[in-house]
N, C-alpha and C. Protein backbone atom coordinates (compact mmCIF):
# COMPACT_ATOMS: atom_id res chain seq x y z
N UNK A 1 16.54 -9.45 4.81
CA UNK A 1 15.54 -9.96 3.76
C UNK A 1 14.39 -9.09 3.52
N UNK A 2 14.04 -8.72 2.40
CA UNK A 2 12.98 -7.73 1.98
C UNK A 2 11.76 -8.36 2.30
N UNK A 3 10.76 -7.42 2.83
CA UNK A 3 9.34 -7.96 3.10
C UNK A 3 8.62 -8.38 1.86
N UNK A 4 7.60 -9.20 1.86
CA UNK A 4 6.86 -9.48 0.73
C UNK A 4 5.50 -8.72 0.74
N UNK A 5 5.08 -8.23 1.93
CA UNK A 5 3.74 -7.66 1.94
C UNK A 5 3.89 -6.38 2.74
N UNK A 6 2.83 -5.58 2.53
CA UNK A 6 2.80 -4.25 3.15
C UNK A 6 1.41 -4.06 3.70
N UNK A 7 1.23 -2.90 4.64
CA UNK A 7 -0.14 -2.57 5.03
C UNK A 7 -0.53 -1.43 4.00
N UNK A 8 -2.02 -1.45 3.63
CA UNK A 8 -2.48 -0.38 2.88
C UNK A 8 -3.85 0.01 3.35
N UNK A 9 -4.20 1.08 2.88
CA UNK A 9 -5.62 1.49 3.07
C UNK A 9 -6.33 1.44 1.69
N UNK A 10 -7.24 0.76 1.52
CA UNK A 10 -7.94 0.49 0.20
C UNK A 10 -9.30 0.99 0.19
N UNK A 11 -9.80 1.61 -0.81
CA UNK A 11 -11.15 2.00 -0.84
C UNK A 11 -11.95 0.93 -1.50
N UNK A 12 -12.79 0.30 -0.78
CA UNK A 12 -13.59 -1.01 -1.15
C UNK A 12 -14.78 -0.54 -1.92
N UNK A 13 -15.48 0.46 -1.53
CA UNK A 13 -16.80 0.97 -2.27
C UNK A 13 -16.69 2.50 -1.91
N UNK A 14 -17.45 3.35 -2.71
CA UNK A 14 -17.54 4.66 -2.32
C UNK A 14 -18.05 4.77 -0.70
N UNK A 15 -17.19 5.58 -0.04
CA UNK A 15 -17.57 5.81 1.44
C UNK A 15 -17.20 4.64 2.28
N UNK A 16 -16.38 3.61 1.79
CA UNK A 16 -16.03 2.39 2.57
C UNK A 16 -14.54 2.26 2.41
N UNK A 17 -13.71 2.42 3.30
CA UNK A 17 -12.23 2.23 3.33
C UNK A 17 -11.82 1.27 4.39
N UNK A 18 -10.86 0.42 4.12
CA UNK A 18 -10.31 -0.60 5.15
C UNK A 18 -8.81 -0.63 5.15
N UNK A 19 -8.34 -0.90 6.39
CA UNK A 19 -6.98 -1.19 6.46
C UNK A 19 -6.74 -2.70 6.12
N UNK A 20 -5.91 -2.94 5.11
CA UNK A 20 -5.61 -4.31 4.76
C UNK A 20 -4.20 -4.64 5.08
N UNK A 21 -3.83 -5.49 5.97
CA UNK A 21 -2.69 -5.73 6.50
C UNK A 21 -1.61 -6.39 5.68
N UNK A 22 -2.09 -7.17 4.62
CA UNK A 22 -1.16 -8.12 3.87
C UNK A 22 -1.37 -7.85 2.43
N UNK A 23 -0.99 -6.74 1.91
CA UNK A 23 -1.11 -6.48 0.56
C UNK A 23 0.31 -6.88 -0.06
N UNK A 24 0.45 -7.62 -1.13
CA UNK A 24 1.65 -7.86 -1.90
C UNK A 24 2.38 -6.55 -2.23
N UNK A 25 3.60 -6.54 -2.01
CA UNK A 25 4.36 -5.40 -2.55
C UNK A 25 4.40 -5.41 -4.00
N UNK A 26 4.33 -4.22 -4.65
CA UNK A 26 4.43 -4.13 -6.17
C UNK A 26 5.93 -4.71 -6.56
N UNK A 27 5.97 -5.24 -7.63
CA UNK A 27 7.20 -5.69 -8.34
C UNK A 27 8.02 -4.40 -8.72
N UNK A 28 9.16 -4.44 -8.60
CA UNK A 28 10.06 -3.32 -8.95
C UNK A 28 10.31 -3.51 -10.41
N UNK A 29 10.14 -2.36 -11.32
CA UNK A 29 10.07 -2.35 -12.73
C UNK A 29 11.55 -2.85 -13.24
N UNK A 30 12.55 -2.53 -12.52
CA UNK A 30 13.96 -2.84 -13.08
C UNK A 30 15.05 -2.92 -11.91
N UNK A 31 15.95 -3.51 -12.33
CA UNK A 31 17.03 -3.81 -11.20
C UNK A 31 17.84 -2.61 -10.37
N UNK A 32 17.55 -1.44 -11.27
CA UNK A 32 18.10 -0.23 -10.89
C UNK A 32 17.23 0.59 -9.70
N UNK A 33 16.08 0.05 -9.58
CA UNK A 33 15.04 0.64 -8.60
C UNK A 33 15.24 -0.03 -7.33
N UNK A 34 14.93 0.74 -6.31
CA UNK A 34 15.06 0.31 -4.98
C UNK A 34 13.61 0.42 -4.17
N UNK A 35 13.53 -0.44 -3.00
CA UNK A 35 12.45 -0.46 -2.25
C UNK A 35 12.71 0.38 -0.98
N UNK A 36 11.81 1.44 -0.57
CA UNK A 36 12.14 2.24 0.62
C UNK A 36 11.02 1.99 1.55
N UNK A 37 11.48 1.76 2.78
CA UNK A 37 10.58 1.66 3.99
C UNK A 37 9.88 2.91 4.35
N UNK A 38 8.67 3.00 4.34
CA UNK A 38 7.94 4.35 4.81
C UNK A 38 7.57 4.09 6.17
N UNK A 39 7.98 4.97 7.01
CA UNK A 39 7.62 5.01 8.42
C UNK A 39 6.36 5.87 8.81
N UNK A 40 6.19 7.05 8.13
CA UNK A 40 5.14 7.90 8.31
C UNK A 40 4.88 8.65 7.18
N UNK A 41 3.59 9.18 7.02
CA UNK A 41 3.21 9.89 5.81
C UNK A 41 2.36 11.02 6.35
N UNK A 42 2.14 11.96 5.49
CA UNK A 42 1.32 13.16 5.87
C UNK A 42 0.06 12.85 5.01
N UNK A 43 -1.21 13.17 5.57
CA UNK A 43 -2.45 13.10 4.82
C UNK A 43 -2.88 14.54 4.58
N UNK A 44 -3.32 14.68 3.33
CA UNK A 44 -3.83 16.06 3.02
C UNK A 44 -5.39 15.81 3.07
N UNK A 45 -6.25 16.81 3.49
CA UNK A 45 -7.55 16.70 3.68
C UNK A 45 -8.33 16.14 2.25
N UNK A 46 -7.81 16.55 1.21
CA UNK A 46 -8.32 16.03 -0.12
C UNK A 46 -8.16 14.44 -0.32
N UNK A 47 -7.07 14.01 0.40
CA UNK A 47 -6.83 12.56 0.25
C UNK A 47 -7.93 11.73 0.96
N UNK A 48 -8.40 12.01 2.14
CA UNK A 48 -9.43 11.09 2.75
C UNK A 48 -10.81 11.49 2.09
N UNK A 49 -10.95 12.73 1.52
CA UNK A 49 -12.13 12.97 0.93
C UNK A 49 -12.53 12.10 -0.25
N UNK A 50 -11.56 11.48 -0.87
CA UNK A 50 -11.66 10.68 -1.94
C UNK A 50 -12.27 9.24 -1.69
N UNK A 51 -12.48 9.02 -0.40
CA UNK A 51 -13.19 7.85 0.07
C UNK A 51 -14.54 7.93 -0.31
N UNK A 52 -15.21 9.10 -0.16
CA UNK A 52 -16.60 9.18 -0.50
C UNK A 52 -16.82 9.70 -2.06
N UNK A 53 -15.74 10.11 -2.65
CA UNK A 53 -15.92 10.63 -4.00
C UNK A 53 -14.68 10.07 -4.78
N UNK A 54 -14.40 8.80 -5.00
CA UNK A 54 -13.19 8.40 -5.51
C UNK A 54 -12.94 8.87 -6.87
N UNK A 55 -11.55 9.08 -7.25
CA UNK A 55 -10.93 9.45 -8.41
C UNK A 55 -11.17 8.27 -9.52
N UNK A 56 -11.71 8.52 -10.69
CA UNK A 56 -11.71 7.36 -11.57
C UNK A 56 -10.24 6.81 -11.82
N UNK A 57 -10.04 5.44 -11.77
CA UNK A 57 -8.79 4.87 -11.82
C UNK A 57 -8.82 4.03 -13.14
N UNK A 58 -7.72 4.07 -13.85
CA UNK A 58 -7.61 3.23 -15.09
C UNK A 58 -7.21 1.76 -14.63
N UNK A 59 -7.82 0.88 -15.29
CA UNK A 59 -7.46 -0.50 -14.89
C UNK A 59 -7.02 -1.29 -16.11
């Protein structure tokens, strides 16, 4: 059975990030897409610097 939630790091405010343990998984856009379990990721120094200076996101 596929999971319904995932862990995520969310930027709450400039300079403030938190690990959120129960974020809903995004819906797959169509039946031909698949969900892949990520076990590990690499972090680029510019990635964590966005916590203090977030990139503007469209909403």
